[in-house]
Amino acid sequence: MLEDGGFQVVAEAVDGAGALAAARQYRPQLVLLDVQLPDIDGFAVAEALALDAFPPFVVLTSSRSSSEYGSRVGRSPARGFVPKADLSGSALAELFEAG
């Protein structure tokens, strides 16, 4: 889906620790981050990445709506939130280009 939307996928991770390691190793411009991860949640990963010298553009996603997370989405350093039902390469491109 991401590659069809014009993005080059450089890494994938199964948990928050893996996401942090991959983002720091590959230094992508954009990180698509699931909120529900088996170890640390996507909000904590986004906060850790925001502290990096050159933080990536982070977009959170979840099978739940953003309203189910209350104010956490708005307080997060992530640059956007896209429900999984609406997730597409073009949705990510719109957020990224609006930047």
Protein backbone atom coordinates (compact mmCIF):
# COMPACT_ATOMS: atom_id res chain seq x y z
CA MET A 1 0.00 0.00 0.00
CA LEU A 2 2.76 2.47 0.91
CA GLU A 3 4.86 1.64 -2.11
CA ASP A 4 1.78 1.98 -4.33
CA GLY A 5 1.38 5.45 -2.81
CA GLY A 6 4.89 6.44 -3.87
CA PHE A 7 6.73 5.71 -0.64
CA GLN A 8 9.83 3.57 -0.36
CA VAL A 9 9.58 1.21 2.62
CA VAL A 10 13.01 0.90 4.23
CA ALA A 11 12.12 -1.07 7.37
CA GLU A 12 9.34 -2.70 9.35
CA ALA A 13 9.10 -3.49 13.05
CA VAL A 14 6.87 -5.70 15.17
CA ASP A 15 7.11 -3.68 18.37
CA GLY A 16 8.03 -0.28 19.77
CA ALA A 17 11.64 -1.15 20.55
CA GLY A 18 12.09 -2.43 17.02
CA ALA A 19 10.48 0.71 15.61
CA LEU A 20 12.87 2.93 17.56
CA ALA A 21 15.88 0.90 16.46
CA ALA A 22 14.81 0.85 12.81
CA ALA A 23 14.02 4.57 12.73
CA ARG A 24 17.39 5.40 14.25
CA GLN A 25 19.25 3.07 11.92
CA TYR A 26 17.55 3.99 8.64
CA ARG A 27 16.59 7.63 9.38
CA PRO A 28 13.38 7.64 7.29
CA GLN A 29 11.60 10.88 6.54
CA LEU A 30 8.25 9.37 7.52
CA VAL A 31 7.32 6.77 10.14
CA LEU A 32 3.91 5.12 10.11
CA LEU A 33 3.39 3.99 13.68
CA ASP A 34 0.65 1.79 15.12
CA VAL A 35 -0.60 3.02 18.49
CA GLN A 36 -1.18 -0.51 19.77
CA LEU A 37 2.22 -2.19 20.03
CA PRO A 38 3.07 -5.23 22.17
CA ASP A 39 5.74 -3.57 24.31
CA ILE A 40 5.56 0.24 24.43
CA ASP A 41 2.74 2.10 22.76
CA GLY A 42 3.06 4.26 19.67
CA PHE A 43 2.65 7.45 21.69
CA ALA A 44 5.81 6.65 23.68
CA VAL A 45 7.70 5.76 20.50
CA ALA A 46 6.63 9.05 18.88
CA GLU A 47 7.80 10.97 21.96
CA ALA A 48 11.19 9.22 21.90
CA LEU A 49 11.64 9.87 18.18
CA ALA A 50 10.75 13.55 18.64
CA LEU A 51 13.83 13.92 20.85
CA ASP A 52 16.19 12.79 18.07
CA ALA A 53 18.37 15.40 16.38
CA PHE A 54 16.52 14.93 13.09
CA PRO A 55 13.12 13.51 14.03
CA PRO A 56 11.05 11.82 11.35
CA PHE A 57 7.55 12.88 10.37
CA VAL A 58 5.45 10.48 12.47
CA VAL A 59 1.91 9.46 11.59
CA LEU A 60 -0.02 7.36 14.08
CA THR A 61 -2.55 4.76 13.03
CA SER A 62 -4.95 2.48 14.85
CA SER A 63 -7.99 0.32 14.29
CA ARG A 64 -9.65 2.63 16.82
CA SER A 65 -10.67 6.22 16.13
CA SER A 66 -8.55 9.08 17.43
CA SER A 67 -11.39 10.11 19.76
CA GLU A 68 -10.94 6.86 21.69
CA TYR A 69 -7.50 8.09 22.78
CA GLY A 70 -8.83 11.34 24.19
CA SER A 71 -6.32 14.18 24.20
CA ARG A 72 -3.32 11.86 23.76
CA VAL A 73 -3.38 12.26 19.96
CA GLY A 74 -3.35 16.06 20.18
CA ARG A 75 -0.59 16.08 22.81
CA SER A 76 1.55 13.66 20.84
CA PRO A 77 4.47 14.98 18.79
CA ALA A 78 3.14 12.90 15.89
CA ARG A 79 2.19 15.04 12.91
CA GLY A 80 -1.02 13.19 12.15
CA PHE A 81 -3.38 10.31 12.84
CA VAL A 82 -5.06 8.12 10.23
CA PRO A 83 -7.49 5.37 11.26
CA LYS A 84 -6.55 2.05 9.66
CA ALA A 85 -9.88 2.01 7.81
CA ASP A 86 -8.81 5.22 6.02
CA LEU A 87 -5.13 4.38 5.63
CA SER A 88 -3.73 4.74 2.13
CA GLY A 89 -0.64 6.00 0.42
CA SER A 90 -2.52 9.09 -0.70
CA ALA A 91 -3.74 9.83 2.86
CA LEU A 92 -0.15 9.68 4.11
CA ALA A 93 1.10 11.77 1.19
CA GLU A 94 -1.47 14.48 1.96
CA LEU A 95 -0.32 14.69 5.58
CA PHE A 96 3.35 14.58 4.66
CA GLU A 97 3.06 17.23 1.95
CA ALA A 98 1.02 19.51 4.23
CA GLY A 99 3.78 18.95 6.73
